[in-house]
Amino acid sequence: MGAHPKRKTAKARKNQRRSHIKTEATPAVIECSQCHSMKAPHQVCPTCGTYNGREVIALKEPKAKSEH
């Protein structure tokens, strides 16, 4: 016979061992300071192309819709 635990392991002690087993948090999003659209933190804004208050990439202007 192998070793057997003398007492029941408490839920708190069991869960402390398994603290790395958890569900993923929802992805974080923040508001762009220039265009106020939602974007991922520490990333260039895909809408206006700015990062940290300055323009990093120049985006093409959206084409105007032609009326028929």
C-alpha atoms as a PDB file:
ATOM      1  CA  MET A   1       0.000   0.000   0.000  1.00  0.00           C
ATOM      2  CA  GLY A   2       1.114   3.477  -0.786  1.00  0.00           C
ATOM      3  CA  ALA A   3       0.980   6.558   1.373  1.00  0.00           C
ATOM      4  CA  HIS A   4      -2.486   7.876   2.128  1.00  0.00           C
ATOM      5  CA  PRO A   5      -3.416  11.354   3.323  1.00  0.00           C
ATOM      6  CA  LYS A   6      -4.295  11.513   6.981  1.00  0.00           C
ATOM      7  CA  ARG A   7      -6.742  14.385   6.497  1.00  0.00           C
ATOM      8  CA  LYS A   8      -8.924  15.724   3.702  1.00  0.00           C
ATOM      9  CA  THR A   9      -7.296  18.478   1.632  1.00  0.00           C
ATOM     10  CA  ALA A  10      -9.283  21.682   2.072  1.00  0.00           C
ATOM     11  CA  LYS A  11     -10.729  23.399  -1.016  1.00  0.00           C
ATOM     12  CA  ALA A  12      -8.691  26.546  -0.326  1.00  0.00           C
ATOM     13  CA  ARG A  13      -5.418  24.608  -0.171  1.00  0.00           C
ATOM     14  CA  LYS A  14      -6.300  22.624  -3.297  1.00  0.00           C
ATOM     15  CA  ASN A  15      -7.224  25.779  -5.217  1.00  0.00           C
ATOM     16  CA  GLN A  16      -4.015  27.563  -4.153  1.00  0.00           C
ATOM     17  CA  ARG A  17      -2.033  24.817  -5.851  1.00  0.00           C
ATOM     18  CA  ARG A  18      -4.146  25.213  -8.967  1.00  0.00           C
ATOM     19  CA  SER A  19      -3.967  28.996  -9.189  1.00  0.00           C
ATOM     20  CA  HIS A  20      -2.506  28.807 -12.709  1.00  0.00           C
ATOM     21  CA  ILE A  21      -5.588  26.936 -13.960  1.00  0.00           C
ATOM     22  CA  LYS A  22      -8.113  29.639 -14.659  1.00  0.00           C
ATOM     23  CA  THR A  23     -10.208  31.088 -17.449  1.00  0.00           C
ATOM     24  CA  GLU A  24      -8.784  33.788 -19.651  1.00  0.00           C
ATOM     25  CA  ALA A  25      -9.905  37.340 -19.030  1.00  0.00           C
ATOM     26  CA  THR A  26     -11.718  39.204 -21.754  1.00  0.00           C
ATOM     27  CA  PRO A  27      -9.353  41.087 -24.028  1.00  0.00           C
ATOM     28  CA  ALA A  28      -8.624  44.580 -22.763  1.00  0.00           C
ATOM     29  CA  VAL A  29      -9.748  47.517 -24.868  1.00  0.00           C
ATOM     30  CA  ILE A  30      -9.220  51.204 -24.262  1.00  0.00           C
ATOM     31  CA  GLU A  31     -10.437  54.367 -25.922  1.00  0.00           C
ATOM     32  CA  CYS A  32      -8.160  56.086 -28.430  1.00  0.00           C
ATOM     33  CA  SER A  33      -7.232  59.568 -27.247  1.00  0.00           C
ATOM     34  CA  GLN A  34      -7.484  61.033 -30.771  1.00  0.00           C
ATOM     35  CA  CYS A  35     -10.562  59.508 -32.424  1.00  0.00           C
ATOM     36  CA  HIS A  36     -12.206  57.951 -29.321  1.00  0.00           C
ATOM     37  CA  SER A  37     -12.696  54.560 -30.963  1.00  0.00           C
ATOM     38  CA  MET A  38     -11.958  51.364 -29.043  1.00  0.00           C
ATOM     39  CA  LYS A  39      -8.521  49.796 -29.563  1.00  0.00           C
ATOM     40  CA  ALA A  40      -6.143  47.336 -27.907  1.00  0.00           C
ATOM     41  CA  PRO A  41      -3.769  48.883 -25.358  1.00  0.00           C
ATOM     42  CA  HIS A  42      -0.170  49.573 -26.443  1.00  0.00           C
ATOM     43  CA  GLN A  43      -1.131  49.236 -30.111  1.00  0.00           C
ATOM     44  CA  VAL A  44      -1.475  51.691 -32.970  1.00  0.00           C
ATOM     45  CA  CYS A  45      -5.092  52.749 -33.433  1.00  0.00           C
ATOM     46  CA  PRO A  46      -6.431  51.012 -36.553  1.00  0.00           C
ATOM     47  CA  THR A  47      -8.909  53.833 -37.197  1.00  0.00           C
ATOM     48  CA  CYS A  48      -6.705  56.927 -37.115  1.00  0.00           C
ATOM     49  CA  GLY A  49      -3.150  55.474 -37.071  1.00  0.00           C
ATOM     50  CA  THR A  50      -1.944  57.265 -33.934  1.00  0.00           C
ATOM     51  CA  TYR A  51       0.008  55.971 -30.956  1.00  0.00           C
ATOM     52  CA  ASN A  52       0.783  57.882 -27.786  1.00  0.00           C
ATOM     53  CA  GLY A  53      -0.641  61.124 -29.167  1.00  0.00           C
ATOM     54  CA  ARG A  54       1.293  61.207 -32.451  1.00  0.00           C
ATOM     55  CA  GLU A  55       0.607  59.893 -35.942  1.00  0.00           C
ATOM     56  CA  VAL A  56       2.635  56.755 -36.544  1.00  0.00           C
ATOM     57  CA  ILE A  57       1.182  55.444 -39.787  1.00  0.00           C
ATOM     58  CA  ALA A  58      -0.574  57.440 -42.459  1.00  0.00           C
ATOM     59  CA  LEU A  59      -3.900  55.847 -43.326  1.00  0.00           C
ATOM     60  CA  LYS A  60      -5.620  56.348 -46.642  1.00  0.00           C
ATOM     61  CA  GLU A  61      -8.724  58.460 -46.480  1.00  0.00           C
ATOM     62  CA  PRO A  62     -11.923  56.506 -47.024  1.00  0.00           C
ATOM     63  CA  LYS A  63     -13.350  56.921 -50.504  1.00  0.00           C
ATOM     64  CA  ALA A  64     -16.396  59.145 -50.779  1.00  0.00           C
ATOM     65  CA  LYS A  65     -19.522  57.313 -51.831  1.00  0.00           C
ATOM     66  CA  SER A  66     -20.570  58.289 -55.340  1.00  0.00           C
ATOM     67  CA  GLU A  67     -24.260  58.975 -55.744  1.00  0.00           C
ATOM     68  CA  HIS A  68     -25.986  57.482 -58.802  1.00  0.00           C
END
